[in-house]
Amino acid sequence: ISADRAALPLRRLHPAAQPRGLSSRAGGTMNVFDRNMKKRQKSWASALQDNHKYDYLRDEVGIRVADRVYDIARTFPLALDVGCGKSHIAEHLSKEVVERFFLTDISEGLLTKPCEMPTHCVLADEEFLPFQENTFDLVVSSLSMHWINDLPGALRQINGVLKPDGVFIGAMVGGETLYELRCSLQLAELEREGGFSPHISPYTAVTDLGNLLSQAGFNMLTVDVDEIQVNYPGMLEVMSDLQGMGESNCAWNRRSLLHRDTMLAAAAIYKEMYGNEDGSVPATFEILYMIGWKPHESQAKPAKRGSATVSFGDLSKINQSVSSAKTDKP
């Protein structure tokens, strides 16, 4: 699947071969995730006959990202969705807001869902965007960036392909996601096997996100956090749905299989520690939303240091004067 090359200039990329195992890339970036494994997981999930039943989380977050696009009172002639999945954002936007949409994903099987607005599909890795700089008015991304090894580099690329005064609106999974599952598996492994290995991939903390956006060159930042809690019959159903979403762990140091006894113990711990009164168990998804603008001379700028005409020490005096004036009124 390729884009209309006459409509948009692409640049040719020659990314270096990905090293195997947990290692450090050039520039000190840790190679935590097996990107080829993630591609296979997403492609497998997209080929499921009933794959639509696993879209509930991405659809909900896609709606919330689209709402943030509508909050900006302007029309975007050209937009890009990084890690689009099955057009979970585009299907909630109108042609009056986004005139043309480029959709990218690492999995070809996800780039087939029709959309009302004019779209162009590009098979591309989120870590290597094949677009020229200063191309897009809007870039969006939803529930894809948490699998990127070089997140600072990916954010710099997004900033690069935006036009000046362009905006990036994204949503990604945060560090508290699936804490119930993580804790239950760790306790069960400690009890049954005397140690534990990571089964839930590491996620970005909300406290780091603002700095990452700022270092990537964005300004006028907005970062907020939301939690979506989904109830399941049990822990095994949680893990089954994650697999159906293409969201299984793909860290290099993952452990592929768990002993049956450990799984049963983890399911019992999950229900005992977090279970609802009706017998179901909750799974929490922490969603980090971010908005950042590419700098432009027309944007509002903070006042220069030392330019204030009133000091903080004078504020209490002003407040006292206002209070006295109100008291003196007949």
C-alpha atoms as a PDB file:
ATOM      1  CA  ILE A   1       0.000   0.000   0.000  1.00  0.00           C
ATOM      2  CA  SER A   2       1.537   3.290  -0.992  1.00  0.00           C
ATOM      3  CA  ALA A   3       0.690   6.951  -0.983  1.00  0.00           C
ATOM      4  CA  ASP A   4      -0.106   9.180  -3.938  1.00  0.00           C
ATOM      5  CA  ARG A   5       3.508  10.232  -4.501  1.00  0.00           C
ATOM      6  CA  ALA A   6       2.481  13.056  -6.812  1.00  0.00           C
ATOM      7  CA  ALA A   7       0.388  14.514  -4.026  1.00  0.00           C
ATOM      8  CA  LEU A   8       3.003  14.423  -1.291  1.00  0.00           C
ATOM      9  CA  PRO A   9       6.818  14.437  -1.391  1.00  0.00           C
ATOM     10  CA  LEU A  10       8.309  11.407   0.352  1.00  0.00           C
ATOM     11  CA  ARG A  11      11.928  10.998   1.322  1.00  0.00           C
ATOM     12  CA  ARG A  12      13.854   7.772   0.930  1.00  0.00           C
ATOM     13  CA  LEU A  13      15.007   6.219   4.200  1.00  0.00           C
ATOM     14  CA  HIS A  14      17.677   3.613   4.812  1.00  0.00           C
ATOM     15  CA  PRO A  15      17.244   2.718   8.500  1.00  0.00           C
ATOM     16  CA  ALA A  16      19.996   0.577   9.932  1.00  0.00           C
ATOM     17  CA  ALA A  17      19.200  -3.035  10.686  1.00  0.00           C
ATOM     18  CA  GLN A  18      17.679  -3.397  14.128  1.00  0.00           C
ATOM     19  CA  PRO A  19      20.035  -5.084  16.606  1.00  0.00           C
ATOM     20  CA  ARG A  20      18.668  -8.118  18.404  1.00  0.00           C
ATOM     21  CA  GLY A  21      18.409  -8.202  22.161  1.00  0.00           C
ATOM     22  CA  LEU A  22      18.291  -5.483  24.784  1.00  0.00           C
ATOM     23  CA  SER A  23      21.000  -3.102  23.656  1.00  0.00           C
ATOM     24  CA  SER A  24      21.843   0.553  23.263  1.00  0.00           C
ATOM     25  CA  ARG A  25      21.359   2.311  19.948  1.00  0.00           C
ATOM     26  CA  ALA A  26      23.415   5.166  18.620  1.00  0.00           C
ATOM     27  CA  GLY A  27      22.855   8.205  20.786  1.00  0.00           C
ATOM     28  CA  GLY A  28      22.171   6.104  23.887  1.00  0.00           C
ATOM     29  CA  THR A  29      18.601   5.059  23.035  1.00  0.00           C
ATOM     30  CA  MET A  30      17.711   1.683  24.517  1.00  0.00           C
ATOM     31  CA  ASN A  31      16.385  -0.905  22.085  1.00  0.00           C
ATOM     32  CA  VAL A  32      13.702  -2.303  24.406  1.00  0.00           C
ATOM     33  CA  PHE A  33      11.032  -3.495  21.970  1.00  0.00           C
ATOM     34  CA  ASP A  34      11.213  -6.043  19.174  1.00  0.00           C
ATOM     35  CA  ARG A  35       9.558  -4.018  16.408  1.00  0.00           C
ATOM     36  CA  ASN A  36       9.334  -6.983  14.051  1.00  0.00           C
ATOM     37  CA  MET A  37       7.479  -8.940  16.728  1.00  0.00           C
ATOM     38  CA  LYS A  38       5.083  -6.018  17.220  1.00  0.00           C
ATOM     39  CA  LYS A  39       4.436  -5.924  13.477  1.00  0.00           C
ATOM     40  CA  ARG A  40       3.631  -9.649  13.504  1.00  0.00           C
ATOM     41  CA  GLN A  41       1.346  -9.259  16.519  1.00  0.00           C
ATOM     42  CA  LYS A  42      -0.620  -6.432  14.899  1.00  0.00           C
ATOM     43  CA  SER A  43      -0.853  -8.234  11.575  1.00  0.00           C
ATOM     44  CA  TRP A  44      -2.073 -11.416  13.290  1.00  0.00           C
ATOM     45  CA  ALA A  45      -4.698  -9.452  15.232  1.00  0.00           C
ATOM     46  CA  SER A  46      -5.912  -7.634  12.106  1.00  0.00           C
ATOM     47  CA  ALA A  47      -6.439 -10.982  10.347  1.00  0.00           C
ATOM     48  CA  LEU A  48      -8.817 -12.313  13.014  1.00  0.00           C
ATOM     49  CA  GLN A  49     -12.309 -12.876  11.658  1.00  0.00           C
ATOM     50  CA  ASP A  50     -13.886 -11.112  14.643  1.00  0.00           C
ATOM     51  CA  ASN A  51     -11.167  -8.475  15.114  1.00  0.00           C
ATOM     52  CA  HIS A  52     -13.751  -5.688  15.441  1.00  0.00           C
ATOM     53  CA  LYS A  53     -14.712  -6.872  18.936  1.00  0.00           C
ATOM     54  CA  TYR A  54     -11.275  -5.838  20.219  1.00  0.00           C
ATOM     55  CA  ASP A  55     -11.552  -2.238  18.954  1.00  0.00           C
ATOM     56  CA  TYR A  56     -13.411  -0.833  21.970  1.00  0.00           C
ATOM     57  CA  LEU A  57     -10.400   0.790  23.659  1.00  0.00           C
ATOM     58  CA  ARG A  58      -8.905   2.276  20.494  1.00  0.00           C
ATOM     59  CA  ASP A  59     -12.316   3.532  19.369  1.00  0.00           C
ATOM     60  CA  GLU A  60     -12.897   5.279  22.697  1.00  0.00           C
ATOM     61  CA  VAL A  61      -9.474   6.932  22.758  1.00  0.00           C
ATOM     62  CA  GLY A  62      -9.800   7.806  19.059  1.00  0.00           C
ATOM     63  CA  ILE A  63     -13.006   9.697  19.846  1.00  0.00           C
ATOM     64  CA  ARG A  64     -11.254  11.622  22.622  1.00  0.00           C
ATOM     65  CA  VAL A  65      -8.342  12.562  20.354  1.00  0.00           C
ATOM     66  CA  ALA A  66     -10.797  13.674  17.647  1.00  0.00           C
ATOM     67  CA  ASP A  67     -12.576  15.845  20.234  1.00  0.00           C
ATOM     68  CA  ARG A  68      -9.289  17.622  20.906  1.00  0.00           C
ATOM     69  CA  VAL A  69      -8.882  18.268  17.179  1.00  0.00           C
ATOM     70  CA  TYR A  70     -12.363  19.817  17.068  1.00  0.00           C
ATOM     71  CA  ASP A  71     -11.420  22.042  20.027  1.00  0.00           C
ATOM     72  CA  ILE A  72      -8.943  23.868  17.761  1.00  0.00           C
ATOM     73  CA  ALA A  73     -10.926  26.352  15.700  1.00  0.00           C
ATOM     74  CA  ARG A  74      -9.286  25.893  12.322  1.00  0.00           C
ATOM     75  CA  THR A  75      -9.325  23.716   9.212  1.00  0.00           C
ATOM     76  CA  PHE A  76      -6.320  21.485   8.528  1.00  0.00           C
ATOM     77  CA  PRO A  77      -5.597  21.087   4.788  1.00  0.00           C
ATOM     78  CA  LEU A  78      -3.221  18.146   5.317  1.00  0.00           C
ATOM     79  CA  ALA A  79      -3.012  15.808   8.318  1.00  0.00           C
ATOM     80  CA  LEU A  80      -1.020  12.717   9.279  1.00  0.00           C
ATOM     81  CA  ASP A  81      -1.972   9.861  11.614  1.00  0.00           C
ATOM     82  CA  VAL A  82       1.081   8.040  12.997  1.00  0.00           C
ATOM     83  CA  GLY A  83       0.183   4.434  13.819  1.00  0.00           C
ATOM     84  CA  CYS A  84      -3.391   4.823  12.603  1.00  0.00           C
ATOM     85  CA  GLY A  85      -4.643   1.282  13.196  1.00  0.00           C
ATOM     86  CA  LYS A  86      -8.085   0.949  11.620  1.00  0.00           C
ATOM     87  CA  SER A  87      -8.622   4.722  11.217  1.00  0.00           C
ATOM     88  CA  HIS A  88      -9.732   5.074  14.832  1.00  0.00           C
ATOM     89  CA  ILE A  89      -9.238   8.866  14.723  1.00  0.00           C
ATOM     90  CA  ALA A  90     -10.060   9.611  11.090  1.00  0.00           C
ATOM     91  CA  GLU A  91     -13.484   7.956  11.263  1.00  0.00           C
ATOM     92  CA  HIS A  92     -14.526  10.528  13.881  1.00  0.00           C
ATOM     93  CA  LEU A  93     -13.367  13.606  11.931  1.00  0.00           C
ATOM     94  CA  SER A  94     -15.134  15.425   9.109  1.00  0.00           C
ATOM     95  CA  LYS A  95     -13.885  16.793   5.790  1.00  0.00           C
ATOM     96  CA  GLU A  96     -14.716  20.287   7.058  1.00  0.00           C
ATOM     97  CA  VAL A  97     -11.967  19.927   9.679  1.00  0.00           C
ATOM     98  CA  VAL A  98      -9.378  17.780   7.862  1.00  0.00           C
ATOM     99  CA  GLU A  99      -9.339  18.089   4.082  1.00  0.00           C
ATOM    100  CA  ARG A 100      -6.830  15.305   3.354  1.00  0.00           C
ATOM    101  CA  PHE A 101      -5.499  12.611   5.669  1.00  0.00           C
ATOM    102  CA  PHE A 102      -2.376  10.474   5.374  1.00  0.00           C
ATOM    103  CA  LEU A 103      -2.553   7.278   7.433  1.00  0.00           C
ATOM    104  CA  THR A 104       0.550   5.306   8.398  1.00  0.00           C
ATOM    105  CA  ASP A 105       0.989   2.022  10.219  1.00  0.00           C
ATOM    106  CA  ILE A 106       3.597  -0.703  10.512  1.00  0.00           C
ATOM    107  CA  SER A 107       1.007  -3.374   9.657  1.00  0.00           C
ATOM    108  CA  GLU A 108      -0.427  -3.499   6.143  1.00  0.00           C
ATOM    109  CA  GLY A 109      -3.487  -5.390   7.354  1.00  0.00           C
ATOM    110  CA  LEU A 110      -4.628  -2.354   9.352  1.00  0.00           C
ATOM    111  CA  LEU A 111      -4.540   0.041   6.391  1.00  0.00           C
ATOM    112  CA  THR A 112      -7.659  -1.305   4.711  1.00  0.00           C
ATOM    113  CA  LYS A 113     -10.586   0.236   6.591  1.00  0.00           C
ATOM    114  CA  PRO A 114     -12.529   2.710   4.386  1.00  0.00           C
ATOM    115  CA  CYS A 115     -13.014   6.276   5.580  1.00  0.00           C
ATOM    116  CA  GLU A 116     -15.353   9.079   4.495  1.00  0.00           C
ATOM    117  CA  MET A 117     -12.680  11.728   4.022  1.00  0.00           C
ATOM    118  CA  PRO A 118      -9.952  11.551   1.337  1.00  0.00           C
ATOM    119  CA  THR A 119      -7.153   9.390   2.748  1.00  0.00           C
ATOM    120  CA  HIS A 120      -3.815   8.058   1.519  1.00  0.00           C
ATOM    121  CA  CYS A 121      -2.309   4.982   3.192  1.00  0.00           C
ATOM    122  CA  VAL A 122       1.449   4.641   3.721  1.00  0.00           C
ATOM    123  CA  LEU A 123       3.036   1.474   5.092  1.00  0.00           C
ATOM    124  CA  ALA A 124       5.672   2.915   7.429  1.00  0.00           C
ATOM    125  CA  ASP A 125       7.295   2.359  10.800  1.00  0.00           C
ATOM    126  CA  GLU A 126       6.486   5.024  13.392  1.00  0.00           C
ATOM    127  CA  GLU A 127      10.210   5.246  14.144  1.00  0.00           C
ATOM    128  CA  PHE A 128      11.074   6.204  10.537  1.00  0.00           C
ATOM    129  CA  LEU A 129       8.567   8.661   9.060  1.00  0.00           C
ATOM    130  CA  PRO A 130       9.119   8.864   5.265  1.00  0.00           C
ATOM    131  CA  PHE A 131       7.929  12.453   4.797  1.00  0.00           C
ATOM    132  CA  GLN A 132       9.704  15.697   4.037  1.00  0.00           C
ATOM    133  CA  GLU A 133       9.924  18.447   6.630  1.00  0.00           C
ATOM    134  CA  ASN A 134       7.284  21.173   6.937  1.00  0.00           C
ATOM    135  CA  THR A 135       4.601  19.104   5.199  1.00  0.00           C
ATOM    136  CA  PHE A 136       1.613  18.668   7.543  1.00  0.00           C
ATOM    137  CA  ASP A 137      -0.704  21.086   9.322  1.00  0.00           C
ATOM    138  CA  LEU A 138      -1.752  18.458  11.875  1.00  0.00           C
ATOM    139  CA  VAL A 139      -0.241  15.215  13.170  1.00  0.00           C
ATOM    140  CA  VAL A 140      -2.216  12.860  15.402  1.00  0.00           C
ATOM    141  CA  SER A 141      -1.403   9.537  17.030  1.00  0.00           C
ATOM    142  CA  SER A 142      -3.404   7.232  19.277  1.00  0.00           C
ATOM    143  CA  LEU A 143      -2.232   4.202  21.280  1.00  0.00           C
ATOM    144  CA  SER A 144       0.766   3.448  19.111  1.00  0.00           C
ATOM    145  CA  MET A 145       3.723   5.419  20.437  1.00  0.00           C
ATOM    146  CA  HIS A 146       4.186   3.340  23.604  1.00  0.00           C
ATOM    147  CA  TRP A 147       5.861   0.645  21.438  1.00  0.00           C
ATOM    148  CA  ILE A 148       8.472   3.034  20.014  1.00  0.00           C
ATOM    149  CA  ASN A 149      12.061   2.472  21.138  1.00  0.00           C
ATOM    150  CA  ASP A 150      13.300   6.002  20.436  1.00  0.00           C
ATOM    151  CA  LEU A 151      10.380   8.117  21.637  1.00  0.00           C
ATOM    152  CA  PRO A 152      12.406  11.372  21.796  1.00  0.00           C
ATOM    153  CA  GLY A 153      13.561  10.773  18.221  1.00  0.00           C
ATOM    154  CA  ALA A 154      10.027   9.971  17.043  1.00  0.00           C
ATOM    155  CA  LEU A 155       8.717  13.188  18.585  1.00  0.00           C
ATOM    156  CA  ARG A 156      11.487  15.162  16.863  1.00  0.00           C
ATOM    157  CA  GLN A 157      10.487  13.579  13.542  1.00  0.00           C
ATOM    158  CA  ILE A 158       6.851  14.534  14.132  1.00  0.00           C
ATOM    159  CA  ASN A 159       7.928  18.083  14.902  1.00  0.00           C
ATOM    160  CA  GLY A 160      10.013  18.079  11.732  1.00  0.00           C
ATOM    161  CA  VAL A 161       7.202  17.026   9.365  1.00  0.00           C
ATOM    162  CA  LEU A 162       4.845  19.649  10.831  1.00  0.00           C
ATOM    163  CA  LYS A 163       4.611  23.055   9.217  1.00  0.00           C
ATOM    164  CA  PRO A 164       5.398  26.042  11.454  1.00  0.00           C
ATOM    165  CA  ASP A 165       2.363  26.653  13.685  1.00  0.00           C
ATOM    166  CA  GLY A 166       1.280  23.054  13.058  1.00  0.00           C
ATOM    167  CA  VAL A 167      -0.025  21.031  15.986  1.00  0.00           C
ATOM    168  CA  PHE A 168       0.579  17.514  17.268  1.00  0.00           C
ATOM    169  CA  ILE A 169      -2.223  15.820  19.222  1.00  0.00           C
ATOM    170  CA  GLY A 170      -1.472  12.397  20.628  1.00  0.00           C
ATOM    171  CA  ALA A 171      -2.556   9.764  23.114  1.00  0.00           C
ATOM    172  CA  MET A 172      -0.409   6.994  24.510  1.00  0.00           C
ATOM    173  CA  VAL A 173      -0.558   4.406  27.255  1.00  0.00           C
ATOM    174  CA  GLY A 174       0.878   5.590  30.582  1.00  0.00           C
ATOM    175  CA  GLY A 175       2.933   3.910  33.289  1.00  0.00           C
ATOM    176  CA  GLU A 176       0.025   2.851  35.521  1.00  0.00           C
ATOM    177  CA  THR A 177      -1.643   0.833  32.765  1.00  0.00           C
ATOM    178  CA  LEU A 178      -2.563  -2.763  33.696  1.00  0.00           C
ATOM    179  CA  TYR A 179      -1.086  -2.428  37.175  1.00  0.00           C
ATOM    180  CA  GLU A 180      -3.535  -5.085  38.387  1.00  0.00           C
ATOM    181  CA  LEU A 181      -2.242  -7.632  35.882  1.00  0.00           C
ATOM    182  CA  ARG A 182       1.397  -6.709  36.455  1.00  0.00           C
ATOM    183  CA  CYS A 183       1.136  -7.063  40.239  1.00  0.00           C
ATOM    184  CA  SER A 184      -0.800 -10.349  40.086  1.00  0.00           C
ATOM    185  CA  LEU A 185       1.700 -11.985  37.737  1.00  0.00           C
ATOM    186  CA  GLN A 186       4.666 -10.845  39.805  1.00  0.00           C
ATOM    187  CA  LEU A 187       3.199 -12.121  43.073  1.00  0.00           C
ATOM    188  CA  ALA A 188       2.275 -15.473  41.526  1.00  0.00           C
ATOM    189  CA  GLU A 189       5.753 -15.953  40.049  1.00  0.00           C
ATOM    190  CA  LEU A 190       7.417 -15.056  43.331  1.00  0.00           C
ATOM    191  CA  GLU A 191       5.226 -17.547  45.152  1.00  0.00           C
ATOM    192  CA  ARG A 192       5.512 -20.430  42.659  1.00  0.00           C
ATOM    193  CA  GLU A 193       8.906 -19.914  41.046  1.00  0.00           C
ATOM    194  CA  GLY A 194      10.934 -17.828  43.497  1.00  0.00           C
ATOM    195  CA  GLY A 195      11.367 -14.859  41.160  1.00  0.00           C
ATOM    196  CA  PHE A 196       9.631 -12.934  38.397  1.00  0.00           C
ATOM    197  CA  SER A 197      10.273 -11.592  34.917  1.00  0.00           C
ATOM    198  CA  PRO A 198       8.526  -8.700  33.122  1.00  0.00           C
ATOM    199  CA  HIS A 199       5.287  -9.662  31.378  1.00  0.00           C
ATOM    200  CA  ILE A 200       3.918  -6.125  30.945  1.00  0.00           C
ATOM    201  CA  SER A 201       5.910  -3.758  28.767  1.00  0.00           C
ATOM    202  CA  PRO A 202       7.373  -0.603  30.355  1.00  0.00           C
ATOM    203  CA  TYR A 203       5.391   2.563  29.659  1.00  0.00           C
ATOM    204  CA  THR A 204       6.166   6.287  29.765  1.00  0.00           C
ATOM    205  CA  ALA A 205       5.415   8.176  32.987  1.00  0.00           C
ATOM    206  CA  VAL A 206       3.280  11.309  32.744  1.00  0.00           C
ATOM    207  CA  THR A 207       5.984  13.258  34.611  1.00  0.00           C
ATOM    208  CA  ASP A 208       8.392  12.672  31.706  1.00  0.00           C
ATOM    209  CA  LEU A 209       6.068  13.568  28.852  1.00  0.00           C
ATOM    210  CA  GLY A 210       6.263  17.361  29.085  1.00  0.00           C
ATOM    211  CA  ASN A 211      10.063  17.300  29.024  1.00  0.00           C
ATOM    212  CA  LEU A 212      10.074  14.926  26.038  1.00  0.00           C
ATOM    213  CA  LEU A 213       7.773  17.226  24.059  1.00  0.00           C
ATOM    214  CA  SER A 214       9.775  20.323  24.970  1.00  0.00           C
ATOM    215  CA  GLN A 215      13.084  18.701  24.033  1.00  0.00           C
ATOM    216  CA  ALA A 216      11.561  17.664  20.693  1.00  0.00           C
ATOM    217  CA  GLY A 217      10.944  21.340  19.873  1.00  0.00           C
ATOM    218  CA  PHE A 218       7.260  21.757  20.752  1.00  0.00           C
ATOM    219  CA  ASN A 219       5.871  24.709  22.688  1.00  0.00           C
ATOM    220  CA  MET A 220       2.496  25.719  24.174  1.00  0.00           C
ATOM    221  CA  LEU A 221       2.250  22.233  25.657  1.00  0.00           C
ATOM    222  CA  THR A 222      -0.797  20.572  27.164  1.00  0.00           C
ATOM    223  CA  VAL A 223      -0.553  17.214  28.943  1.00  0.00           C
ATOM    224  CA  ASP A 224      -3.425  15.552  30.765  1.00  0.00           C
ATOM    225  CA  VAL A 225      -4.203  12.089  32.097  1.00  0.00           C
ATOM    226  CA  ASP A 226      -7.307   9.954  31.930  1.00  0.00           C
ATOM    227  CA  GLU A 227      -8.128   6.460  33.158  1.00  0.00           C
ATOM    228  CA  ILE A 228     -10.321   3.963  31.366  1.00  0.00           C
ATOM    229  CA  GLN A 229     -11.341   0.929  33.400  1.00  0.00           C
ATOM    230  CA  VAL A 230     -12.719  -2.131  31.647  1.00  0.00           C
ATOM    231  CA  ASN A 231     -14.293  -5.070  33.481  1.00  0.00           C
ATOM    232  CA  TYR A 232     -13.618  -8.645  32.376  1.00  0.00           C
ATOM    233  CA  PRO A 233     -14.822 -12.077  33.563  1.00  0.00           C
ATOM    234  CA  GLY A 234     -11.284 -12.908  34.714  1.00  0.00           C
ATOM    235  CA  MET A 235      -7.562 -12.440  34.180  1.00  0.00           C
ATOM    236  CA  LEU A 236      -7.381 -14.871  31.268  1.00  0.00           C
ATOM    237  CA  GLU A 237      -9.953 -12.785  29.385  1.00  0.00           C
ATOM    238  CA  VAL A 238      -7.829  -9.679  29.999  1.00  0.00           C
ATOM    239  CA  MET A 239      -4.819 -11.371  28.416  1.00  0.00           C
ATOM    240  CA  SER A 240      -6.902 -12.771  25.555  1.00  0.00           C
ATOM    241  CA  ASP A 241      -8.244  -9.323  24.664  1.00  0.00           C
ATOM    242  CA  LEU A 242      -4.759  -7.797  24.794  1.00  0.00           C
ATOM    243  CA  GLN A 243      -3.663 -10.412  22.291  1.00  0.00           C
ATOM    244  CA  GLY A 244      -6.688  -9.648  20.102  1.00  0.00           C
ATOM    245  CA  MET A 245      -5.750  -5.962  20.166  1.00  0.00           C
ATOM    246  CA  GLY A 246      -2.190  -6.766  19.079  1.00  0.00           C
ATOM    247  CA  GLU A 247      -1.037  -5.430  22.450  1.00  0.00           C
ATOM    248  CA  SER A 248       0.897  -8.421  23.792  1.00  0.00           C
ATOM    249  CA  ASN A 249       4.316  -7.773  25.283  1.00  0.00           C
ATOM    250  CA  CYS A 250       7.068  -7.422  22.676  1.00  0.00           C
ATOM    251  CA  ALA A 251      10.018  -6.476  24.893  1.00  0.00           C
ATOM    252  CA  TRP A 252      13.225  -8.300  24.004  1.00  0.00           C
ATOM    253  CA  ASN A 253      13.534  -9.666  27.551  1.00  0.00           C
ATOM    254  CA  ARG A 254       9.972 -10.974  27.683  1.00  0.00           C
ATOM    255  CA  ARG A 255       9.288 -14.490  28.907  1.00  0.00           C
ATOM    256  CA  SER A 256       7.291 -16.312  26.255  1.00  0.00           C
ATOM    257  CA  LEU A 257       5.414 -18.808  28.430  1.00  0.00           C
ATOM    258  CA  LEU A 258       4.138 -19.085  31.991  1.00  0.00           C
ATOM    259  CA  HIS A 259       3.653 -22.340  33.846  1.00  0.00           C
ATOM    260  CA  ARG A 260       0.014 -23.381  34.150  1.00  0.00           C
ATOM    261  CA  ASP A 261       0.170 -23.365  37.958  1.00  0.00           C
ATOM    262  CA  THR A 262       1.589 -19.837  37.916  1.00  0.00           C
ATOM    263  CA  MET A 263      -1.192 -18.634  35.610  1.00  0.00           C
ATOM    264  CA  LEU A 264      -3.892 -20.136  37.827  1.00  0.00           C
ATOM    265  CA  ALA A 265      -2.284 -18.608  40.913  1.00  0.00           C
ATOM    266  CA  ALA A 266      -2.082 -15.191  39.213  1.00  0.00           C
ATOM    267  CA  ALA A 267      -5.755 -15.372  38.215  1.00  0.00           C
ATOM    268  CA  ALA A 268      -6.719 -16.179  41.814  1.00  0.00           C
ATOM    269  CA  ILE A 269      -4.575 -13.325  43.167  1.00  0.00           C
ATOM    270  CA  TYR A 270      -6.067 -10.918  40.611  1.00  0.00           C
ATOM    271  CA  LYS A 271      -9.616 -11.780  41.659  1.00  0.00           C
ATOM    272  CA  GLU A 272      -8.783 -11.700  45.373  1.00  0.00           C
ATOM    273  CA  MET A 273      -6.973  -8.342  45.306  1.00  0.00           C
ATOM    274  CA  TYR A 274      -8.955  -6.434  42.687  1.00  0.00           C
ATOM    275  CA  GLY A 275     -12.162  -8.367  41.999  1.00  0.00           C
ATOM    276  CA  ASN A 276     -15.547  -6.629  41.839  1.00  0.00           C
ATOM    277  CA  GLU A 277     -18.570  -7.722  43.848  1.00  0.00           C
ATOM    278  CA  ASP A 278     -20.174  -9.256  40.753  1.00  0.00           C
ATOM    279  CA  GLY A 279     -17.174 -11.557  40.217  1.00  0.00           C
ATOM    280  CA  SER A 280     -15.601  -9.592  37.366  1.00  0.00           C
ATOM    281  CA  VAL A 281     -12.123  -8.054  37.498  1.00  0.00           C
ATOM    282  CA  PRO A 282     -11.082  -4.545  36.391  1.00  0.00           C
ATOM    283  CA  ALA A 283      -8.222  -3.655  34.065  1.00  0.00           C
ATOM    284  CA  THR A 284      -7.039  -0.054  34.204  1.00  0.00           C
ATOM    285  CA  PHE A 285      -5.659   1.766  31.171  1.00  0.00           C
ATOM    286  CA  GLU A 286      -3.923   5.064  31.964  1.00  0.00           C
ATOM    287  CA  ILE A 287      -4.079   7.275  28.870  1.00  0.00           C
ATOM    288  CA  LEU A 288      -1.732  10.238  28.476  1.00  0.00           C
ATOM    289  CA  TYR A 289      -2.980  12.972  26.135  1.00  0.00           C
ATOM    290  CA  MET A 290      -0.571  15.529  24.737  1.00  0.00           C
ATOM    291  CA  ILE A 291      -0.779  18.630  22.573  1.00  0.00           C
ATOM    292  CA  GLY A 292       2.262  20.482  21.276  1.00  0.00           C
ATOM    293  CA  TRP A 293       2.716  23.218  18.685  1.00  0.00           C
ATOM    294  CA  LYS A 294       5.585  23.762  16.295  1.00  0.00           C
ATOM    295  CA  PRO A 295       6.938  27.265  16.936  1.00  0.00           C
ATOM    296  CA  HIS A 296       5.931  30.152  14.687  1.00  0.00           C
ATOM    297  CA  GLU A 297       6.499  33.889  14.985  1.00  0.00           C
ATOM    298  CA  SER A 298       2.743  34.532  15.188  1.00  0.00           C
ATOM    299  CA  GLN A 299       2.374  32.552  18.414  1.00  0.00           C
ATOM    300  CA  ALA A 300       2.101  34.229  21.795  1.00  0.00           C
ATOM    301  CA  LYS A 301       5.427  34.401  23.611  1.00  0.00           C
ATOM    302  CA  PRO A 302       6.139  34.551  27.347  1.00  0.00           C
ATOM    303  CA  ALA A 303       7.162  37.924  28.721  1.00  0.00           C
ATOM    304  CA  LYS A 304      10.877  38.555  29.093  1.00  0.00           C
ATOM    305  CA  ARG A 305      12.395  37.857  32.491  1.00  0.00           C
ATOM    306  CA  GLY A 306      12.342  40.982  34.646  1.00  0.00           C
ATOM    307  CA  SER A 307       9.724  42.787  32.541  1.00  0.00           C
ATOM    308  CA  ALA A 308       6.996  42.637  35.214  1.00  0.00           C
ATOM    309  CA  THR A 309       5.881  45.973  36.677  1.00  0.00           C
ATOM    310  CA  VAL A 310       4.444  44.486  39.889  1.00  0.00           C
ATOM    311  CA  SER A 311       6.306  42.138  42.234  1.00  0.00           C
ATOM    312  CA  PHE A 312       4.736  39.193  44.019  1.00  0.00           C
ATOM    313  CA  GLY A 313       5.497  40.954  47.286  1.00  0.00           C
ATOM    314  CA  ASP A 314       3.127  43.779  46.318  1.00  0.00           C
ATOM    315  CA  LEU A 315       0.180  41.483  45.599  1.00  0.00           C
ATOM    316  CA  SER A 316      -0.869  41.260  49.242  1.00  0.00           C
ATOM    317  CA  LYS A 317      -0.846  45.077  49.497  1.00  0.00           C
ATOM    318  CA  ILE A 318      -3.017  45.374  46.393  1.00  0.00           C
ATOM    319  CA  ASN A 319      -5.439  42.817  47.810  1.00  0.00           C
ATOM    320  CA  GLN A 320      -5.636  44.751  51.088  1.00  0.00           C
ATOM    321  CA  SER A 321      -6.307  47.997  49.209  1.00  0.00           C
ATOM    322  CA  VAL A 322      -9.119  46.394  47.198  1.00  0.00           C
ATOM    323  CA  SER A 323     -10.656  44.934  50.369  1.00  0.00           C
ATOM    324  CA  SER A 324     -10.466  48.311  52.123  1.00  0.00           C
ATOM    325  CA  ALA A 325     -12.108  50.060  49.179  1.00  0.00           C
ATOM    326  CA  LYS A 326     -14.998  47.587  49.251  1.00  0.00           C
ATOM    327  CA  THR A 327     -15.398  48.086  53.015  1.00  0.00           C
ATOM    328  CA  ASP A 328     -15.444  51.886  52.714  1.00  0.00           C
ATOM    329  CA  LYS A 329     -18.303  51.830  50.189  1.00  0.00           C
ATOM    330  CA  PRO A 330     -21.636  53.032  51.692  1.00  0.00           C
END
